[in-house]
Amino acid sequence: MKSLSLLLLFVLGLTACNKEDQSRPASILPQEKMVVILADIHQTEGIISTKEYSKDSSLLLFTELENQLLAKHGVSKKEFKETYSWYTSHVKEYKELYTIVVDTLNVRTSEGKVE
């Protein structure tokens, strides 16, 4: 009876893992790509925030630079927004994503790659 319970628990665990994998739509960008894009975006935000631009000018500049970054990574604004929206509705994956983004920015800073 004990081994049957363990087998059932194991099968349920595998099923749960499979459901988790299936819950991520194919249209969602891979985590590795999102990490690089978000790190680039936050780095750009940081650079703009150090300049003495008006709020409107900063927003226009950021929008233009964000569009350039997305084009550089071969990602449309729609793909980025859908992926970001998916992450914000999946807290565990969102936290994991941003842990890696912060680590990436820290590495860039320590290597002098952040202006």
PDB file of N, CA and C in Angstrom:
ATOM      1  N   MET A   1       0.820  -1.193   0.000  1.00  0.00           N
ATOM      2  CA  MET A   1       0.000   0.000   0.000  1.00  0.00           C
ATOM      3  C   MET A   1       0.866   1.261   0.000  1.00  0.00           C
ATOM      4  N   LYS A   2       1.947   1.206   0.768  1.00  0.00           N
ATOM      5  CA  LYS A   2       2.834   2.360   0.854  1.00  0.00           C
ATOM      6  C   LYS A   2       3.483   2.642  -0.505  1.00  0.00           C
ATOM      7  N   SER A   3       3.915   1.582  -1.202  1.00  0.00           N
ATOM      8  CA  SER A   3       4.550   1.781  -2.505  1.00  0.00           C
ATOM      9  C   SER A   3       3.533   2.284  -3.533  1.00  0.00           C
ATOM     10  N   LEU A   4       2.278   1.867  -3.417  1.00  0.00           N
ATOM     11  CA  LEU A   4       1.238   2.369  -4.312  1.00  0.00           C
ATOM     12  C   LEU A   4       1.020   3.867  -4.091  1.00  0.00           C
ATOM     13  N   SER A   5       1.043   4.289  -2.833  1.00  0.00           N
ATOM     14  CA  SER A   5       0.887   5.716  -2.518  1.00  0.00           C
ATOM     15  C   SER A   5       2.055   6.517  -3.070  1.00  0.00           C
ATOM     16  N   LEU A   6       3.261   5.988  -2.939  1.00  0.00           N
ATOM     17  CA  LEU A   6       4.442   6.676  -3.474  1.00  0.00           C
ATOM     18  C   LEU A   6       4.378   6.754  -4.993  1.00  0.00           C
ATOM     19  N   LEU A   7       3.933   5.681  -5.638  1.00  0.00           N
ATOM     20  CA  LEU A   7       3.810   5.667  -7.094  1.00  0.00           C
ATOM     21  C   LEU A   7       2.783   6.699  -7.540  1.00  0.00           C
ATOM     22  N   LEU A   8       1.650   6.756  -6.848  1.00  0.00           N
ATOM     23  CA  LEU A   8       0.611   7.727  -7.172  1.00  0.00           C
ATOM     24  C   LEU A   8       1.132   9.155  -6.999  1.00  0.00           C
ATOM     25  N   LEU A   9       1.851   9.395  -5.927  1.00  0.00           N
ATOM     26  CA  LEU A   9       2.433  10.715  -5.684  1.00  0.00           C
ATOM     27  C   LEU A   9       3.422  11.089  -6.791  1.00  0.00           C
ATOM     28  N   PHE A  10       4.231  10.130  -7.208  1.00  0.00           N
ATOM     29  CA  PHE A  10       5.204  10.355  -8.276  1.00  0.00           C
ATOM     30  C   PHE A  10       4.497  10.710  -9.581  1.00  0.00           C
ATOM     31  N   VAL A  11       3.449   9.958  -9.924  1.00  0.00           N
ATOM     32  CA  VAL A  11       2.706  10.210 -11.160  1.00  0.00           C
ATOM     33  C   VAL A  11       2.038  11.583 -11.109  1.00  0.00           C
ATOM     34  N   LEU A  12       1.459  11.930  -9.970  1.00  0.00           N
ATOM     35  CA  LEU A  12       0.852  13.253  -9.822  1.00  0.00           C
ATOM     36  C   LEU A  12       1.892  14.356  -9.977  1.00  0.00           C
ATOM     37  N   GLY A  13       3.080  14.137  -9.445  1.00  0.00           N
ATOM     38  CA  GLY A  13       4.162  15.114  -9.589  1.00  0.00           C
ATOM     39  C   GLY A  13       4.562  15.315 -11.038  1.00  0.00           C
ATOM     40  N   LEU A  14       4.667  14.222 -11.770  1.00  0.00           N
ATOM     41  CA  LEU A  14       4.999  14.328 -13.191  1.00  0.00           C
ATOM     42  C   LEU A  14       3.906  15.042 -13.965  1.00  0.00           C
ATOM     43  N   THR A  15       2.681  14.741 -13.643  1.00  0.00           N
ATOM     44  CA  THR A  15       1.554  15.392 -14.300  1.00  0.00           C
ATOM     45  C   THR A  15       1.573  16.894 -14.038  1.00  0.00           C
ATOM     46  N   ALA A  16       1.852  17.269 -12.813  1.00  0.00           N
ATOM     47  CA  ALA A  16       1.918  18.693 -12.473  1.00  0.00           C
ATOM     48  C   ALA A  16       3.024  19.387 -13.255  1.00  0.00           C
ATOM     49  N   CYS A  17       4.167  18.728 -13.395  1.00  0.00           N
ATOM     50  CA  CYS A  17       5.273  19.311 -14.163  1.00  0.00           C
ATOM     51  C   CYS A  17       4.877  19.484 -15.622  1.00  0.00           C
ATOM     52  N   ASN A  18       4.210  18.503 -16.190  1.00  0.00           N
ATOM     53  CA  ASN A  18       3.789  18.599 -17.581  1.00  0.00           C
ATOM     54  C   ASN A  18       2.785  19.716 -17.786  1.00  0.00           C
ATOM     55  N   LYS A  19       1.855  19.907 -16.865  1.00  0.00           N
ATOM     56  CA  LYS A  19       0.887  20.986 -16.978  1.00  0.00           C
ATOM     57  C   LYS A  19       1.577  22.336 -16.921  1.00  0.00           C
ATOM     58  N   GLU A  20       2.586  22.450 -16.081  1.00  0.00           N
ATOM     59  CA  GLU A  20       3.324  23.712 -15.966  1.00  0.00           C
ATOM     60  C   GLU A  20       4.021  24.035 -17.281  1.00  0.00           C
ATOM     61  N   ASP A  21       4.636  23.027 -17.917  1.00  0.00           N
ATOM     62  CA  ASP A  21       5.310  23.245 -19.184  1.00  0.00           C
ATOM     63  C   ASP A  21       4.323  23.645 -20.268  1.00  0.00           C
ATOM     64  N   GLN A  22       3.121  23.051 -20.259  1.00  0.00           N
ATOM     65  CA  GLN A  22       2.125  23.325 -21.270  1.00  0.00           C
ATOM     66  C   GLN A  22       1.477  24.685 -21.074  1.00  0.00           C
ATOM     67  N   SER A  23       1.571  25.250 -19.892  1.00  0.00           N
ATOM     68  CA  SER A  23       0.905  26.520 -19.624  1.00  0.00           C
ATOM     69  C   SER A  23       1.608  27.702 -20.282  1.00  0.00           C
ATOM     70  N   ARG A  24       2.845  27.524 -20.697  1.00  0.00           N
ATOM     71  CA  ARG A  24       3.584  28.612 -21.336  1.00  0.00           C
ATOM     72  C   ARG A  24       3.314  28.559 -22.837  1.00  0.00           C
ATOM     73  N   PRO A  25       2.620  29.560 -23.362  1.00  0.00           N
ATOM     74  CA  PRO A  25       2.330  29.575 -24.800  1.00  0.00           C
ATOM     75  C   PRO A  25       3.609  29.638 -25.628  1.00  0.00           C
ATOM     76  N   ALA A  26       3.546  29.061 -26.803  1.00  0.00           N
ATOM     77  CA  ALA A  26       4.711  29.046 -27.690  1.00  0.00           C
ATOM     78  C   ALA A  26       5.119  30.448 -28.121  1.00  0.00           C
ATOM     79  N   SER A  27       4.179  31.385 -28.084  1.00  0.00           N
ATOM     80  CA  SER A  27       4.482  32.751 -28.521  1.00  0.00           C
ATOM     81  C   SER A  27       5.290  33.548 -27.497  1.00  0.00           C
ATOM     82  N   ILE A  28       5.449  33.011 -26.297  1.00  0.00           N
ATOM     83  CA  ILE A  28       6.208  33.704 -25.251  1.00  0.00           C
ATOM     84  C   ILE A  28       7.699  33.586 -25.553  1.00  0.00           C
ATOM     85  N   LEU A  29       8.398  34.717 -25.482  1.00  0.00           N
ATOM     86  CA  LEU A  29       9.838  34.719 -25.740  1.00  0.00           C
ATOM     87  C   LEU A  29      10.563  33.879 -24.696  1.00  0.00           C
ATOM     88  N   PRO A  30      11.647  33.220 -25.098  1.00  0.00           N
ATOM     89  CA  PRO A  30      12.435  32.445 -24.121  1.00  0.00           C
ATOM     90  C   PRO A  30      12.977  33.347 -23.013  1.00  0.00           C
ATOM     91  N   GLN A  31      13.107  32.775 -21.834  1.00  0.00           N
ATOM     92  CA  GLN A  31      13.564  33.533 -20.673  1.00  0.00           C
ATOM     93  C   GLN A  31      14.913  34.206 -20.939  1.00  0.00           C
ATOM     94  N   GLU A  32      15.828  33.494 -21.574  1.00  0.00           N
ATOM     95  CA  GLU A  32      17.167  34.043 -21.821  1.00  0.00           C
ATOM     96  C   GLU A  32      17.093  35.319 -22.659  1.00  0.00           C
ATOM     97  N   LYS A  33      16.205  35.311 -23.651  1.00  0.00           N
ATOM     98  CA  LYS A  33      16.067  36.484 -24.506  1.00  0.00           C
ATOM     99  C   LYS A  33      15.429  37.642 -23.737  1.00  0.00           C
ATOM    100  N   MET A  34      14.424  37.336 -22.920  1.00  0.00           N
ATOM    101  CA  MET A  34      13.774  38.379 -22.127  1.00  0.00           C
ATOM    102  C   MET A  34      14.755  39.001 -21.141  1.00  0.00           C
ATOM    103  N   VAL A  35      15.625  38.191 -20.571  1.00  0.00           N
ATOM    104  CA  VAL A  35      16.613  38.712 -19.622  1.00  0.00           C
ATOM    105  C   VAL A  35      17.476  39.770 -20.298  1.00  0.00           C
ATOM    106  N   VAL A  36      17.990  39.463 -21.475  1.00  0.00           N
ATOM    107  CA  VAL A  36      18.872  40.399 -22.178  1.00  0.00           C
ATOM    108  C   VAL A  36      18.114  41.663 -22.569  1.00  0.00           C
ATOM    109  N   ILE A  37      16.902  41.488 -23.074  1.00  0.00           N
ATOM    110  CA  ILE A  37      16.104  42.649 -23.486  1.00  0.00           C
ATOM    111  C   ILE A  37      15.797  43.540 -22.279  1.00  0.00           C
ATOM    112  N   LEU A  38      15.328  42.937 -21.183  1.00  0.00           N
ATOM    113  CA  LEU A  38      14.995  43.736 -19.995  1.00  0.00           C
ATOM    114  C   LEU A  38      16.226  44.400 -19.393  1.00  0.00           C
ATOM    115  N   ALA A  39      17.343  43.708 -19.390  1.00  0.00           N
ATOM    116  CA  ALA A  39      18.575  44.320 -18.879  1.00  0.00           C
ATOM    117  C   ALA A  39      18.953  45.524 -19.737  1.00  0.00           C
ATOM    118  N   ASP A  40      18.841  45.382 -21.051  1.00  0.00           N
ATOM    119  CA  ASP A  40      19.135  46.497 -21.952  1.00  0.00           C
ATOM    120  C   ASP A  40      18.176  47.666 -21.717  1.00  0.00           C
ATOM    121  N   ILE A  41      16.895  47.343 -21.535  1.00  0.00           N
ATOM    122  CA  ILE A  41      15.895  48.393 -21.311  1.00  0.00           C
ATOM    123  C   ILE A  41      16.171  49.127 -20.000  1.00  0.00           C
ATOM    124  N   HIS A  42      16.452  48.388 -18.938  1.00  0.00           N
ATOM    125  CA  HIS A  42      16.722  49.041 -17.655  1.00  0.00           C
ATOM    126  C   HIS A  42      18.023  49.849 -17.694  1.00  0.00           C
ATOM    127  N   GLN A  43      18.977  49.359 -18.418  1.00  0.00           N
ATOM    128  CA  GLN A  43      20.229  50.100 -18.573  1.00  0.00           C
ATOM    129  C   GLN A  43      19.958  51.412 -19.320  1.00  0.00           C
ATOM    130  N   THR A  44      19.140  51.341 -20.348  1.00  0.00           N
ATOM    131  CA  THR A  44      18.772  52.542 -21.107  1.00  0.00           C
ATOM    132  C   THR A  44      18.015  53.531 -20.232  1.00  0.00           C
ATOM    133  N   GLU A  45      17.077  53.015 -19.434  1.00  0.00           N
ATOM    134  CA  GLU A  45      16.342  53.884 -18.504  1.00  0.00           C
ATOM    135  C   GLU A  45      17.297  54.597 -17.554  1.00  0.00           C
ATOM    136  N   GLY A  46      18.274  53.853 -17.057  1.00  0.00           N
ATOM    137  CA  GLY A  46      19.245  54.434 -16.137  1.00  0.00           C
ATOM    138  C   GLY A  46      20.057  55.537 -16.775  1.00  0.00           C
ATOM    139  N   ILE A  47      20.465  55.319 -18.005  1.00  0.00           N
ATOM    140  CA  ILE A  47      21.259  56.329 -18.713  1.00  0.00           C
ATOM    141  C   ILE A  47      20.422  57.586 -18.938  1.00  0.00           C
ATOM    142  N   ILE A  48      19.187  57.411 -19.382  1.00  0.00           N
ATOM    143  CA  ILE A  48      18.317  58.563 -19.644  1.00  0.00           C
ATOM    144  C   ILE A  48      18.032  59.336 -18.353  1.00  0.00           C
ATOM    145  N   SER A  49      17.858  58.602 -17.249  1.00  0.00           N
ATOM    146  CA  SER A  49      17.528  59.272 -15.987  1.00  0.00           C
ATOM    147  C   SER A  49      18.661  60.145 -15.464  1.00  0.00           C
ATOM    148  N   THR A  50      19.882  59.917 -15.927  1.00  0.00           N
ATOM    149  CA  THR A  50      21.006  60.739 -15.470  1.00  0.00           C
ATOM    150  C   THR A  50      21.147  62.042 -16.272  1.00  0.00           C
ATOM    151  N   LYS A  51      20.413  62.118 -17.375  1.00  0.00           N
ATOM    152  CA  LYS A  51      20.472  63.319 -18.220  1.00  0.00           C
ATOM    153  C   LYS A  51      19.436  64.332 -17.749  1.00  0.00           C
ATOM    154  N   GLU A  52      19.654  65.569 -18.078  1.00  0.00           N
ATOM    155  CA  GLU A  52      18.732  66.629 -17.667  1.00  0.00           C
ATOM    156  C   GLU A  52      17.774  66.968 -18.798  1.00  0.00           C
ATOM    157  N   TYR A  53      16.904  65.997 -19.113  1.00  0.00           N
ATOM    158  CA  TYR A  53      15.881  66.204 -20.128  1.00  0.00           C
ATOM    159  C   TYR A  53      14.556  66.469 -19.432  1.00  0.00           C
ATOM    160  N   SER A  54      13.660  67.144 -20.140  1.00  0.00           N
ATOM    161  CA  SER A  54      12.310  67.293 -19.591  1.00  0.00           C
ATOM    162  C   SER A  54      11.655  65.910 -19.575  1.00  0.00           C
ATOM    163  N   LYS A  55      10.591  65.806 -18.814  1.00  0.00           N
ATOM    164  CA  LYS A  55       9.891  64.522 -18.707  1.00  0.00           C
ATOM    165  C   LYS A  55       9.412  64.048 -20.086  1.00  0.00           C
ATOM    166  N   ASP A  56       8.854  64.965 -20.872  1.00  0.00           N
ATOM    167  CA  ASP A  56       8.371  64.619 -22.211  1.00  0.00           C
ATOM    168  C   ASP A  56       9.511  64.174 -23.119  1.00  0.00           C
ATOM    169  N   SER A  57      10.609  64.896 -23.081  1.00  0.00           N
ATOM    170  CA  SER A  57      11.763  64.548 -23.917  1.00  0.00           C
ATOM    171  C   SER A  57      12.340  63.192 -23.510  1.00  0.00           C
ATOM    172  N   SER A  58      12.410  62.948 -22.208  1.00  0.00           N
ATOM    173  CA  SER A  58      12.904  61.655 -21.718  1.00  0.00           C
ATOM    174  C   SER A  58      12.033  60.518 -22.206  1.00  0.00           C
ATOM    175  N   LEU A  59      10.722  60.714 -22.150  1.00  0.00           N
ATOM    176  CA  LEU A  59       9.792  59.687 -22.595  1.00  0.00           C
ATOM    177  C   LEU A  59       9.925  59.429 -24.090  1.00  0.00           C
ATOM    178  N   LEU A  60      10.021  60.482 -24.867  1.00  0.00           N
ATOM    179  CA  LEU A  60      10.197  60.319 -26.320  1.00  0.00           C
ATOM    180  C   LEU A  60      11.504  59.605 -26.642  1.00  0.00           C
ATOM    181  N   LEU A  61      12.575  60.011 -25.979  1.00  0.00           N
ATOM    182  CA  LEU A  61      13.874  59.386 -26.202  1.00  0.00           C
ATOM    183  C   LEU A  61      13.840  57.918 -25.801  1.00  0.00           C
ATOM    184  N   PHE A  62      13.250  57.626 -24.634  1.00  0.00           N
ATOM    185  CA  PHE A  62      13.179  56.240 -24.182  1.00  0.00           C
ATOM    186  C   PHE A  62      12.380  55.391 -25.167  1.00  0.00           C
ATOM    187  N   THR A  63      11.248  55.898 -25.634  1.00  0.00           N
ATOM    188  CA  THR A  63      10.415  55.149 -26.581  1.00  0.00           C
ATOM    189  C   THR A  63      11.201  54.831 -27.846  1.00  0.00           C
ATOM    190  N   GLU A  64      11.928  55.797 -28.340  1.00  0.00           N
ATOM    191  CA  GLU A  64      12.735  55.571 -29.553  1.00  0.00           C
ATOM    192  C   GLU A  64      13.838  54.543 -29.298  1.00  0.00           C
ATOM    193  N   LEU A  65      14.541  54.679 -28.178  1.00  0.00           N
ATOM    194  CA  LEU A  65      15.615  53.738 -27.868  1.00  0.00           C
ATOM    195  C   LEU A  65      15.076  52.330 -27.587  1.00  0.00           C
ATOM    196  N   GLU A  66      13.906  52.255 -26.948  1.00  0.00           N
ATOM    197  CA  GLU A  66      13.279  50.954 -26.703  1.00  0.00           C
ATOM    198  C   GLU A  66      12.937  50.278 -28.030  1.00  0.00           C
ATOM    199  N   ASN A  67      12.385  51.034 -28.970  1.00  0.00           N
ATOM    200  CA  ASN A  67      12.071  50.477 -30.292  1.00  0.00           C
ATOM    201  C   ASN A  67      13.334  49.974 -30.986  1.00  0.00           C
ATOM    202  N   GLN A  68      14.421  50.722 -30.860  1.00  0.00           N
ATOM    203  CA  GLN A  68      15.695  50.302 -31.453  1.00  0.00           C
ATOM    204  C   GLN A  68      16.213  49.020 -30.804  1.00  0.00           C
ATOM    205  N   LEU A  69      16.083  48.927 -29.471  1.00  0.00           N
ATOM    206  CA  LEU A  69      16.527  47.723 -28.757  1.00  0.00           C
ATOM    207  C   LEU A  69      15.731  46.498 -29.184  1.00  0.00           C
ATOM    208  N   LEU A  70      14.429  46.655 -29.278  1.00  0.00           N
ATOM    209  CA  LEU A  70      13.594  45.530 -29.688  1.00  0.00           C
ATOM    210  C   LEU A  70      13.941  45.093 -31.112  1.00  0.00           C
ATOM    211  N   ALA A  71      14.158  46.066 -32.002  1.00  0.00           N
ATOM    212  CA  ALA A  71      14.545  45.735 -33.383  1.00  0.00           C
ATOM    213  C   ALA A  71      15.893  45.020 -33.403  1.00  0.00           C
ATOM    214  N   LYS A  72      16.819  45.474 -32.588  1.00  0.00           N
ATOM    215  CA  LYS A  72      18.147  44.843 -32.486  1.00  0.00           C
ATOM    216  C   LYS A  72      18.020  43.374 -32.087  1.00  0.00           C
ATOM    217  N   HIS A  73      17.051  43.073 -31.214  1.00  0.00           N
ATOM    218  CA  HIS A  73      16.857  41.699 -30.744  1.00  0.00           C
ATOM    219  C   HIS A  73      15.861  40.917 -31.615  1.00  0.00           C
ATOM    220  N   GLY A  74      15.358  41.573 -32.673  1.00  0.00           N
ATOM    221  CA  GLY A  74      14.429  40.902 -33.574  1.00  0.00           C
ATOM    222  C   GLY A  74      13.085  40.583 -32.943  1.00  0.00           C
ATOM    223  N   VAL A  75      12.621  41.479 -32.081  1.00  0.00           N
ATOM    224  CA  VAL A  75      11.371  41.267 -31.348  1.00  0.00           C
ATOM    225  C   VAL A  75      10.440  42.442 -31.619  1.00  0.00           C
ATOM    226  N   SER A  76       9.181  42.141 -31.898  1.00  0.00           N
ATOM    227  CA  SER A  76       8.210  43.212 -32.095  1.00  0.00           C
ATOM    228  C   SER A  76       7.721  43.719 -30.745  1.00  0.00           C
ATOM    229  N   LYS A  77       7.180  44.916 -30.754  1.00  0.00           N
ATOM    230  CA  LYS A  77       6.612  45.501 -29.533  1.00  0.00           C
ATOM    231  C   LYS A  77       5.497  44.594 -28.998  1.00  0.00           C
ATOM    232  N   LYS A  78       4.704  44.040 -29.906  1.00  0.00           N
ATOM    233  CA  LYS A  78       3.606  43.154 -29.519  1.00  0.00           C
ATOM    234  C   LYS A  78       4.135  41.900 -28.819  1.00  0.00           C
ATOM    235  N   GLU A  79       5.179  41.279 -29.390  1.00  0.00           N
ATOM    236  CA  GLU A  79       5.765  40.080 -28.772  1.00  0.00           C
ATOM    237  C   GLU A  79       6.297  40.399 -27.372  1.00  0.00           C
ATOM    238  N   PHE A  80       6.970  41.535 -27.272  1.00  0.00           N
ATOM    239  CA  PHE A  80       7.530  41.926 -25.978  1.00  0.00           C
ATOM    240  C   PHE A  80       6.421  42.149 -24.950  1.00  0.00           C
ATOM    241  N   LYS A  81       5.391  42.898 -25.331  1.00  0.00           N
ATOM    242  CA  LYS A  81       4.295  43.186 -24.401  1.00  0.00           C
ATOM    243  C   LYS A  81       3.566  41.912 -23.983  1.00  0.00           C
ATOM    244  N   GLU A  82       3.307  41.020 -24.933  1.00  0.00           N
ATOM    245  CA  GLU A  82       2.622  39.766 -24.601  1.00  0.00           C
ATOM    246  C   GLU A  82       3.461  38.921 -23.647  1.00  0.00           C
ATOM    247  N   THR A  83       4.758  38.858 -23.893  1.00  0.00           N
ATOM    248  CA  THR A  83       5.644  38.083 -23.034  1.00  0.00           C
ATOM    249  C   THR A  83       5.717  38.712 -21.648  1.00  0.00           C
ATOM    250  N   TYR A  84       5.878  40.023 -21.594  1.00  0.00           N
ATOM    251  CA  TYR A  84       5.960  40.704 -20.297  1.00  0.00           C
ATOM    252  C   TYR A  84       4.660  40.520 -19.518  1.00  0.00           C
ATOM    253  N   SER A  85       3.550  40.622 -20.212  1.00  0.00           N
ATOM    254  CA  SER A  85       2.249  40.422 -19.581  1.00  0.00           C
ATOM    255  C   SER A  85       2.111  39.003 -19.035  1.00  0.00           C
ATOM    256  N   TRP A  86       2.604  38.020 -19.798  1.00  0.00           N
ATOM    257  CA  TRP A  86       2.547  36.634 -19.333  1.00  0.00           C
ATOM    258  C   TRP A  86       3.360  36.485 -18.046  1.00  0.00           C
ATOM    259  N   TYR A  87       4.559  37.057 -18.028  1.00  0.00           N
ATOM    260  CA  TYR A  87       5.403  36.961 -16.828  1.00  0.00           C
ATOM    261  C   TYR A  87       4.750  37.633 -15.628  1.00  0.00           C
ATOM    262  N   THR A  88       4.112  38.778 -15.832  1.00  0.00           N
ATOM    263  CA  THR A  88       3.502  39.466 -14.693  1.00  0.00           C
ATOM    264  C   THR A  88       2.310  38.705 -14.132  1.00  0.00           C
ATOM    265  N   SER A  89       1.740  37.821 -14.917  1.00  0.00           N
ATOM    266  CA  SER A  89       0.628  37.023 -14.397  1.00  0.00           C
ATOM    267  C   SER A  89       1.089  35.653 -13.886  1.00  0.00           C
ATOM    268  N   HIS A  90       2.396  35.390 -13.937  1.00  0.00           N
ATOM    269  CA  HIS A  90       2.988  34.157 -13.413  1.00  0.00           C
ATOM    270  C   HIS A  90       4.121  34.551 -12.463  1.00  0.00           C
ATOM    271  N   VAL A  91       3.746  34.773 -11.218  1.00  0.00           N
ATOM    272  CA  VAL A  91       4.627  35.388 -10.224  1.00  0.00           C
ATOM    273  C   VAL A  91       5.939  34.629 -10.043  1.00  0.00           C
ATOM    274  N   LYS A  92       5.884  33.322  -9.961  1.00  0.00           N
ATOM    275  CA  LYS A  92       7.114  32.537  -9.751  1.00  0.00           C
ATOM    276  C   LYS A  92       8.105  32.774 -10.891  1.00  0.00           C
ATOM    277  N   GLU A  93       7.618  32.694 -12.120  1.00  0.00           N
ATOM    278  CA  GLU A  93       8.484  32.900 -13.284  1.00  0.00           C
ATOM    279  C   GLU A  93       8.965  34.351 -13.364  1.00  0.00           C
ATOM    280  N   TYR A  94       8.102  35.289 -12.959  1.00  0.00           N
ATOM    281  CA  TYR A  94       8.466  36.707 -12.965  1.00  0.00           C
ATOM    282  C   TYR A  94       9.608  36.986 -11.990  1.00  0.00           C
ATOM    283  N   LYS A  95       9.494  36.433 -10.792  1.00  0.00           N
ATOM    284  CA  LYS A  95      10.553  36.615  -9.793  1.00  0.00           C
ATOM    285  C   LYS A  95      11.862  36.014 -10.283  1.00  0.00           C
ATOM    286  N   GLU A  96      11.772  34.833 -10.866  1.00  0.00           N
ATOM    287  CA  GLU A  96      12.976  34.176 -11.397  1.00  0.00           C
ATOM    288  C   GLU A  96      13.594  35.015 -12.509  1.00  0.00           C
ATOM    289  N   LEU A  97      12.752  35.533 -13.404  1.00  0.00           N
ATOM    290  CA  LEU A  97      13.221  36.369 -14.508  1.00  0.00           C
ATOM    291  C   LEU A  97      13.969  37.582 -13.969  1.00  0.00           C
ATOM    292  N   TYR A  98      13.363  38.285 -13.013  1.00  0.00           N
ATOM    293  CA  TYR A  98      13.984  39.506 -12.518  1.00  0.00           C
ATOM    294  C   TYR A  98      15.202  39.252 -11.632  1.00  0.00           C
ATOM    295  N   THR A  99      15.276  38.097 -11.020  1.00  0.00           N
ATOM    296  CA  THR A  99      16.495  37.745 -10.285  1.00  0.00           C
ATOM    297  C   THR A  99      17.658  37.666 -11.268  1.00  0.00           C
ATOM    298  N   ILE A 100      17.405  37.068 -12.417  1.00  0.00           N
ATOM    299  CA  ILE A 100      18.455  36.942 -13.443  1.00  0.00           C
ATOM    300  C   ILE A 100      18.764  38.297 -14.065  1.00  0.00           C
ATOM    301  N   VAL A 101      17.736  39.122 -14.284  1.00  0.00           N
ATOM    302  CA  VAL A 101      17.950  40.463 -14.846  1.00  0.00           C
ATOM    303  C   VAL A 101      18.850  41.284 -13.920  1.00  0.00           C
ATOM    304  N   VAL A 102      18.550  41.261 -12.631  1.00  0.00           N
ATOM    305  CA  VAL A 102      19.362  42.013 -11.662  1.00  0.00           C
ATOM    306  C   VAL A 102      20.791  41.481 -11.639  1.00  0.00           C
ATOM    307  N   ASP A 103      20.953  40.159 -11.655  1.00  0.00           N
ATOM    308  CA  ASP A 103      22.296  39.571 -11.693  1.00  0.00           C
ATOM    309  C   ASP A 103      23.041  40.009 -12.948  1.00  0.00           C
ATOM    310  N   THR A 104      22.333  40.034 -14.075  1.00  0.00           N
ATOM    311  CA  THR A 104      22.943  40.451 -15.345  1.00  0.00           C
ATOM    312  C   THR A 104      23.414  41.896 -15.267  1.00  0.00           C
ATOM    313  N   LEU A 105      22.573  42.765 -14.721  1.00  0.00           N
ATOM    314  CA  LEU A 105      22.959  44.173 -14.581  1.00  0.00           C
ATOM    315  C   LEU A 105      24.129  44.335 -13.616  1.00  0.00           C
ATOM    316  N   ASN A 106      24.151  43.546 -12.545  1.00  0.00           N
ATOM    317  CA  ASN A 106      25.277  43.597 -11.605  1.00  0.00           C
ATOM    318  C   ASN A 106      26.573  43.157 -12.277  1.00  0.00           C
ATOM    319  N   VAL A 107      26.503  42.118 -13.092  1.00  0.00           N
ATOM    320  CA  VAL A 107      27.701  41.661 -13.818  1.00  0.00           C
ATOM    321  C   VAL A 107      28.162  42.742 -14.790  1.00  0.00           C
ATOM    322  N   ARG A 108      27.217  43.336 -15.518  1.00  0.00           N
ATOM    323  CA  ARG A 108      27.581  44.406 -16.456  1.00  0.00           C
ATOM    324  C   ARG A 108      28.252  45.561 -15.718  1.00  0.00           C
ATOM    325  N   THR A 109      27.718  45.916 -14.562  1.00  0.00           N
ATOM    326  CA  THR A 109      28.292  47.004 -13.770  1.00  0.00           C
ATOM    327  C   THR A 109      29.703  46.662 -13.317  1.00  0.00           C
ATOM    328  N   SER A 110      29.884  45.449 -12.833  1.00  0.00           N
ATOM    329  CA  SER A 110      31.214  45.063 -12.340  1.00  0.00           C
ATOM    330  C   SER A 110      32.238  44.946 -13.470  1.00  0.00           C
ATOM    331  N   GLU A 111      31.755  44.684 -14.675  1.00  0.00           N
ATOM    332  CA  GLU A 111      32.653  44.594 -15.828  1.00  0.00           C
ATOM    333  C   GLU A 111      32.817  45.949 -16.521  1.00  0.00           C
ATOM    334  N   GLY A 112      32.131  46.970 -15.998  1.00  0.00           N
ATOM    335  CA  GLY A 112      32.246  48.300 -16.592  1.00  0.00           C
ATOM    336  C   GLY A 112      31.474  48.470 -17.874  1.00  0.00           C
ATOM    337  N   LYS A 113      30.459  47.615 -18.117  1.00  0.00           N
ATOM    338  CA  LYS A 113      29.668  47.699 -19.338  1.00  0.00           C
ATOM    339  C   LYS A 113      28.464  48.605 -19.207  1.00  0.00           C
ATOM    340  N   VAL A 114      28.254  49.147 -18.023  1.00  0.00           N
ATOM    341  CA  VAL A 114      27.150  50.071 -17.796  1.00  0.00           C
ATOM    342  C   VAL A 114      27.737  51.461 -17.665  1.00  0.00           C
ATOM    343  N   GLU A 115      27.183  52.367 -18.445  1.00  0.00           N
ATOM    344  CA  GLU A 115      27.680  53.753 -18.427  1.00  0.00           C
ATOM    345  C   GLU A 115      27.142  54.502 -17.240  1.00  0.00           C
TER     346      GLU A 115
END
